[in-house]
Amino acid sequence: MTIGYDAEQLASTARAIGAQVIRVPVRYRGREGGLDVGDVDIERPLCELKDQEVLVIVAPLRPAQKVPTICGLCVTPYEGGECPACKAEREEAKRVVEERLLFDQEFSALLSEG
């Protein structure tokens, strides 16, 4: 048995006993953050069950695709251990500082000669 098969069986059983089953893709919004649950207004079926105790089951139909990490500083999605945009900015800033220090050292040397 697979995840998808088991989830489909669960949905079939749920429908058979009169439960509402919603099958939609869950997508990450990207830079905005948060998740979209298809085009479904998830509040509508929940409002119909207001003041009742409900059981919510969320089951994947297939293994998930890897979702990229979102950088907490620049909100760029990336994979791996470090945000490439922030890494590039840090490396550029380091290069600029090193150039400035070299310039200052050379300028100081010229002033002390003269």
N, C-alpha and C. Protein backbone atom coordinates (compact mmCIF):
# COMPACT_ATOMS: atom_id res chain seq x y z
N MET A 1 0.84 -1.19 0.00
CA MET A 1 0.00 0.00 0.00
C MET A 1 0.88 1.24 0.00
N THR A 2 0.35 2.29 -0.58
CA THR A 2 1.09 3.54 -0.65
C THR A 2 0.34 4.64 0.10
N ILE A 3 1.02 5.74 0.30
CA ILE A 3 0.40 6.89 0.97
C ILE A 3 -0.87 7.30 0.22
N GLY A 4 -0.75 7.44 -1.10
CA GLY A 4 -1.89 7.88 -1.90
C GLY A 4 -3.06 6.92 -1.82
N TYR A 5 -2.77 5.62 -1.91
CA TYR A 5 -3.83 4.61 -1.84
C TYR A 5 -4.53 4.66 -0.49
N ASP A 6 -3.74 4.71 0.58
CA ASP A 6 -4.32 4.75 1.92
C ASP A 6 -5.17 6.01 2.11
N ALA A 7 -4.70 7.14 1.60
CA ALA A 7 -5.46 8.39 1.72
C ALA A 7 -6.76 8.31 0.93
N GLU A 8 -6.71 7.71 -0.26
CA GLU A 8 -7.93 7.56 -1.07
C GLU A 8 -8.93 6.64 -0.37
N GLN A 9 -8.45 5.58 0.24
CA GLN A 9 -9.33 4.67 0.99
C GLN A 9 -9.98 5.41 2.16
N LEU A 10 -9.19 6.22 2.85
CA LEU A 10 -9.71 7.00 3.97
C LEU A 10 -10.79 7.97 3.48
N ALA A 11 -10.55 8.63 2.35
CA ALA A 11 -11.52 9.56 1.78
C ALA A 11 -12.80 8.83 1.38
N SER A 12 -12.66 7.67 0.78
CA SER A 12 -13.82 6.88 0.37
C SER A 12 -14.67 6.49 1.58
N THR A 13 -14.01 6.06 2.62
CA THR A 13 -14.73 5.69 3.85
C THR A 13 -15.41 6.91 4.45
N ALA A 14 -14.71 8.04 4.45
CA ALA A 14 -15.28 9.27 5.00
C ALA A 14 -16.53 9.68 4.23
N ARG A 15 -16.48 9.62 2.90
CA ARG A 15 -17.65 9.96 2.08
C ARG A 15 -18.81 9.01 2.38
N ALA A 16 -18.48 7.74 2.55
CA ALA A 16 -19.51 6.72 2.79
C ALA A 16 -20.29 6.98 4.08
N ILE A 17 -19.65 7.62 5.04
CA ILE A 17 -20.37 7.90 6.29
C ILE A 17 -20.91 9.33 6.33
N GLY A 18 -20.83 10.03 5.19
CA GLY A 18 -21.44 11.36 5.08
C GLY A 18 -20.52 12.52 5.38
N ALA A 19 -19.24 12.27 5.52
CA ALA A 19 -18.30 13.36 5.79
C ALA A 19 -17.97 14.10 4.50
N GLN A 20 -17.63 15.36 4.64
CA GLN A 20 -17.18 16.14 3.49
C GLN A 20 -15.70 15.86 3.26
N VAL A 21 -15.35 15.64 2.02
CA VAL A 21 -13.95 15.39 1.66
C VAL A 21 -13.55 16.45 0.64
N ILE A 22 -12.47 17.12 0.92
CA ILE A 22 -11.96 18.16 0.02
C ILE A 22 -10.59 17.72 -0.46
N ARG A 23 -10.43 17.60 -1.77
CA ARG A 23 -9.13 17.20 -2.33
C ARG A 23 -8.59 18.38 -3.13
N VAL A 24 -7.53 18.98 -2.63
CA VAL A 24 -6.93 20.15 -3.27
C VAL A 24 -5.42 20.13 -3.06
N PRO A 25 -4.69 20.80 -3.94
CA PRO A 25 -3.25 20.93 -3.70
C PRO A 25 -2.98 22.00 -2.64
N VAL A 26 -1.99 21.77 -1.83
CA VAL A 26 -1.54 22.77 -0.86
C VAL A 26 -0.27 23.38 -1.43
N ARG A 27 -0.27 24.69 -1.58
CA ARG A 27 0.86 25.38 -2.20
C ARG A 27 1.41 26.44 -1.26
N TYR A 28 2.72 26.61 -1.30
CA TYR A 28 3.38 27.67 -0.55
C TYR A 28 3.29 28.96 -1.35
N ARG A 29 2.95 30.06 -0.71
CA ARG A 29 2.77 31.33 -1.40
C ARG A 29 4.07 32.00 -1.80
N GLY A 30 5.18 31.51 -1.35
CA GLY A 30 6.46 32.12 -1.70
C GLY A 30 6.81 33.25 -0.76
N ARG A 31 7.22 34.37 -1.33
CA ARG A 31 7.68 35.50 -0.53
C ARG A 31 6.65 36.01 0.47
N GLU A 32 5.37 35.86 0.13
CA GLU A 32 4.31 36.34 1.03
C GLU A 32 4.20 35.47 2.27
N GLY A 33 4.64 34.22 2.17
CA GLY A 33 4.51 33.28 3.27
C GLY A 33 3.10 32.71 3.33
N GLY A 34 2.93 31.70 4.12
CA GLY A 34 1.62 31.08 4.27
C GLY A 34 1.37 30.01 3.23
N LEU A 35 0.22 29.38 3.34
CA LEU A 35 -0.15 28.29 2.45
C LEU A 35 -1.51 28.55 1.83
N ASP A 36 -1.67 28.12 0.59
CA ASP A 36 -2.97 28.15 -0.08
C ASP A 36 -3.47 26.72 -0.16
N VAL A 37 -4.75 26.53 0.13
CA VAL A 37 -5.37 25.22 0.04
C VAL A 37 -6.25 25.24 -1.21
N GLY A 38 -5.60 25.07 -2.37
CA GLY A 38 -6.32 25.12 -3.64
C GLY A 38 -7.10 26.41 -3.77
N ASP A 39 -8.25 26.34 -4.44
CA ASP A 39 -9.14 27.49 -4.57
C ASP A 39 -10.34 27.34 -3.64
N VAL A 40 -10.21 26.49 -2.64
CA VAL A 40 -11.32 26.16 -1.76
C VAL A 40 -11.42 27.17 -0.63
N ASP A 41 -12.64 27.62 -0.38
CA ASP A 41 -12.90 28.45 0.79
C ASP A 41 -13.08 27.47 1.95
N ILE A 42 -12.02 27.25 2.67
CA ILE A 42 -12.01 26.23 3.73
C ILE A 42 -12.95 26.62 4.88
N GLU A 43 -13.26 27.91 4.99
CA GLU A 43 -14.14 28.35 6.08
C GLU A 43 -15.58 27.90 5.87
N ARG A 44 -16.03 27.78 4.61
CA ARG A 44 -17.43 27.43 4.33
C ARG A 44 -17.82 26.09 4.96
N PRO A 45 -17.08 25.00 4.68
CA PRO A 45 -17.49 23.74 5.32
C PRO A 45 -17.34 23.77 6.83
N LEU A 46 -16.38 24.54 7.33
CA LEU A 46 -16.22 24.62 8.78
C LEU A 46 -17.36 25.42 9.41
N CYS A 47 -17.81 26.47 8.73
CA CYS A 47 -18.94 27.25 9.26
C CYS A 47 -20.21 26.41 9.33
N GLU A 48 -20.39 25.50 8.37
CA GLU A 48 -21.56 24.63 8.38
C GLU A 48 -21.56 23.72 9.61
N LEU A 49 -20.40 23.50 10.18
CA LEU A 49 -20.27 22.61 11.34
C LEU A 49 -20.06 23.39 12.64
N LYS A 50 -20.40 24.66 12.61
CA LYS A 50 -20.22 25.52 13.78
C LYS A 50 -20.86 24.90 15.01
N ASP A 51 -20.18 25.02 16.12
CA ASP A 51 -20.63 24.52 17.42
C ASP A 51 -20.66 22.99 17.49
N GLN A 52 -20.01 22.32 16.56
CA GLN A 52 -19.89 20.87 16.61
C GLN A 52 -18.42 20.51 16.77
N GLU A 53 -18.17 19.39 17.37
CA GLU A 53 -16.80 18.89 17.44
C GLU A 53 -16.53 18.18 16.12
N VAL A 54 -15.40 18.47 15.50
CA VAL A 54 -15.07 17.87 14.21
C VAL A 54 -13.73 17.16 14.29
N LEU A 55 -13.53 16.26 13.36
CA LEU A 55 -12.26 15.57 13.22
C LEU A 55 -11.70 15.99 11.87
N VAL A 56 -10.53 16.59 11.87
CA VAL A 56 -9.90 17.04 10.63
C VAL A 56 -8.73 16.10 10.34
N ILE A 57 -8.76 15.49 9.18
CA ILE A 57 -7.69 14.58 8.77
C ILE A 57 -7.04 15.15 7.53
N VAL A 58 -5.75 15.33 7.59
CA VAL A 58 -5.00 15.81 6.44
C VAL A 58 -4.05 14.69 6.05
N ALA A 59 -4.18 14.20 4.83
CA ALA A 59 -3.36 13.07 4.39
C ALA A 59 -2.79 13.36 3.00
N PRO A 60 -1.50 13.14 2.80
CA PRO A 60 -0.91 13.36 1.48
C PRO A 60 -1.32 12.25 0.52
N LEU A 61 -1.41 12.60 -0.75
CA LEU A 61 -1.74 11.61 -1.78
C LEU A 61 -0.48 11.04 -2.43
N ARG A 62 0.63 11.71 -2.25
CA ARG A 62 1.92 11.24 -2.77
C ARG A 62 3.02 11.91 -1.95
N PRO A 63 4.22 11.39 -2.00
CA PRO A 63 5.31 12.02 -1.25
C PRO A 63 5.48 13.48 -1.68
N ALA A 64 5.81 14.31 -0.74
CA ALA A 64 5.93 15.75 -0.99
C ALA A 64 7.17 16.09 -1.79
N GLN A 65 7.05 17.14 -2.59
CA GLN A 65 8.22 17.70 -3.24
C GLN A 65 8.90 18.59 -2.21
N LYS A 66 10.20 18.69 -2.32
CA LYS A 66 10.93 19.50 -1.36
C LYS A 66 10.56 20.97 -1.51
N VAL A 67 10.19 21.58 -0.40
CA VAL A 67 9.84 23.00 -0.38
C VAL A 67 11.09 23.78 -0.02
N PRO A 68 11.43 24.82 -0.79
CA PRO A 68 12.64 25.57 -0.47
C PRO A 68 12.52 26.31 0.85
N THR A 69 13.66 26.54 1.47
CA THR A 69 13.72 27.34 2.69
C THR A 69 13.59 28.81 2.28
N ILE A 70 12.93 29.60 3.10
CA ILE A 70 12.80 31.03 2.84
C ILE A 70 13.73 31.76 3.80
N CYS A 71 14.60 32.59 3.24
CA CYS A 71 15.55 33.35 4.05
C CYS A 71 14.79 34.31 4.96
N GLY A 72 15.11 34.28 6.24
CA GLY A 72 14.46 35.16 7.20
C GLY A 72 14.88 36.61 7.06
N LEU A 73 15.97 36.86 6.35
CA LEU A 73 16.47 38.23 6.20
C LEU A 73 15.95 38.89 4.92
N CYS A 74 16.11 38.20 3.79
CA CYS A 74 15.73 38.81 2.50
C CYS A 74 14.54 38.12 1.84
N VAL A 75 13.97 37.12 2.48
CA VAL A 75 12.83 36.32 2.03
C VAL A 75 13.01 35.68 0.65
N THR A 76 14.24 35.39 0.27
CA THR A 76 14.52 34.68 -0.97
C THR A 76 14.42 33.18 -0.72
N PRO A 77 13.68 32.44 -1.57
CA PRO A 77 13.66 30.99 -1.41
C PRO A 77 15.00 30.39 -1.85
N TYR A 78 15.47 29.38 -1.12
CA TYR A 78 16.73 28.74 -1.49
C TYR A 78 16.76 27.32 -0.97
N GLU A 79 17.65 26.52 -1.52
CA GLU A 79 17.89 25.16 -1.04
C GLU A 79 19.32 25.09 -0.57
N GLY A 80 19.56 24.27 0.41
CA GLY A 80 20.91 24.14 0.95
C GLY A 80 21.01 24.83 2.29
N GLY A 81 22.24 25.01 2.75
CA GLY A 81 22.46 25.52 4.09
C GLY A 81 22.50 27.02 4.24
N GLU A 82 22.64 27.75 3.14
CA GLU A 82 22.83 29.19 3.24
C GLU A 82 22.14 29.91 2.09
N CYS A 83 21.53 31.04 2.38
CA CYS A 83 20.87 31.84 1.35
C CYS A 83 21.92 32.38 0.39
N PRO A 84 21.84 32.05 -0.91
CA PRO A 84 22.85 32.52 -1.85
C PRO A 84 22.82 34.03 -2.06
N ALA A 85 21.66 34.66 -1.95
CA ALA A 85 21.57 36.11 -2.13
C ALA A 85 22.29 36.83 -0.99
N CYS A 86 22.05 36.39 0.24
CA CYS A 86 22.70 37.01 1.40
C CYS A 86 24.20 36.70 1.40
N LYS A 87 24.56 35.50 0.99
CA LYS A 87 25.98 35.13 0.92
C LYS A 87 26.70 36.04 -0.08
N ALA A 88 26.09 36.27 -1.23
CA ALA A 88 26.70 37.14 -2.24
C ALA A 88 26.84 38.57 -1.71
N GLU A 89 25.83 39.05 -1.00
CA GLU A 89 25.89 40.39 -0.41
C GLU A 89 27.01 40.49 0.62
N ARG A 90 27.14 39.46 1.47
CA ARG A 90 28.21 39.46 2.48
C ARG A 90 29.58 39.45 1.82
N GLU A 91 29.74 38.62 0.79
CA GLU A 91 31.02 38.54 0.09
C GLU A 91 31.36 39.86 -0.58
N GLU A 92 30.37 40.51 -1.18
CA GLU A 92 30.60 41.81 -1.82
C GLU A 92 30.97 42.86 -0.78
N ALA A 93 30.27 42.87 0.36
CA ALA A 93 30.58 43.82 1.43
C ALA A 93 32.00 43.59 1.96
N LYS A 94 32.39 42.33 2.11
CA LYS A 94 33.74 42.00 2.58
C LYS A 94 34.78 42.50 1.58
N ARG A 95 34.51 42.30 0.28
CA ARG A 95 35.44 42.75 -0.76
C ARG A 95 35.59 44.28 -0.72
N VAL A 96 34.48 44.99 -0.56
CA VAL A 96 34.52 46.46 -0.52
C VAL A 96 35.31 46.94 0.69
N VAL A 97 35.10 46.31 1.85
CA VAL A 97 35.83 46.69 3.06
C VAL A 97 37.32 46.43 2.88
N GLU A 98 37.67 45.28 2.31
CA GLU A 98 39.09 44.96 2.10
C GLU A 98 39.74 45.95 1.14
N GLU A 99 39.03 46.33 0.07
CA GLU A 99 39.55 47.34 -0.86
C GLU A 99 39.76 48.67 -0.16
N ARG A 100 38.80 49.05 0.67
CA ARG A 100 38.90 50.32 1.39
C ARG A 100 40.07 50.31 2.36
N LEU A 101 40.27 49.20 3.07
CA LEU A 101 41.40 49.10 3.99
C LEU A 101 42.73 49.20 3.25
N LEU A 102 42.82 48.53 2.11
CA LEU A 102 44.03 48.59 1.30
C LEU A 102 44.29 50.01 0.82
N PHE A 103 43.23 50.68 0.36
CA PHE A 103 43.36 52.07 -0.09
C PHE A 103 43.83 52.95 1.06
N ASP A 104 43.21 52.79 2.24
CA ASP A 104 43.59 53.60 3.41
C ASP A 104 45.05 53.36 3.79
N GLN A 105 45.50 52.11 3.74
CA GLN A 105 46.89 51.80 4.08
C GLN A 105 47.84 52.45 3.08
N GLU A 106 47.52 52.35 1.80
CA GLU A 106 48.37 52.95 0.77
C GLU A 106 48.37 54.47 0.88
N PHE A 107 47.23 55.05 1.17
CA PHE A 107 47.12 56.50 1.31
C PHE A 107 47.92 56.98 2.53
N SER A 108 47.82 56.23 3.63
CA SER A 108 48.58 56.58 4.85
C SER A 108 50.08 56.49 4.59
N ALA A 109 50.50 55.48 3.82
CA ALA A 109 51.91 55.33 3.49
C ALA A 109 52.39 56.51 2.66
N LEU A 110 51.59 56.98 1.71
CA LEU A 110 51.95 58.13 0.89
C LEU A 110 52.07 59.39 1.74
N LEU A 111 51.15 59.57 2.67
CA LEU A 111 51.19 60.75 3.54
C LEU A 111 52.41 60.74 4.44
N SER A 112 52.79 59.57 4.93
CA SER A 112 53.94 59.51 5.84
C SER A 112 55.25 59.70 5.09
N GLU A 113 55.28 59.42 3.78
CA GLU A 113 56.49 59.64 2.98
C GLU A 113 56.69 61.12 2.70
N GLY A 114 55.62 61.82 2.54
CA GLY A 114 55.71 63.21 2.11
C GLY A 114 55.75 64.15 3.20
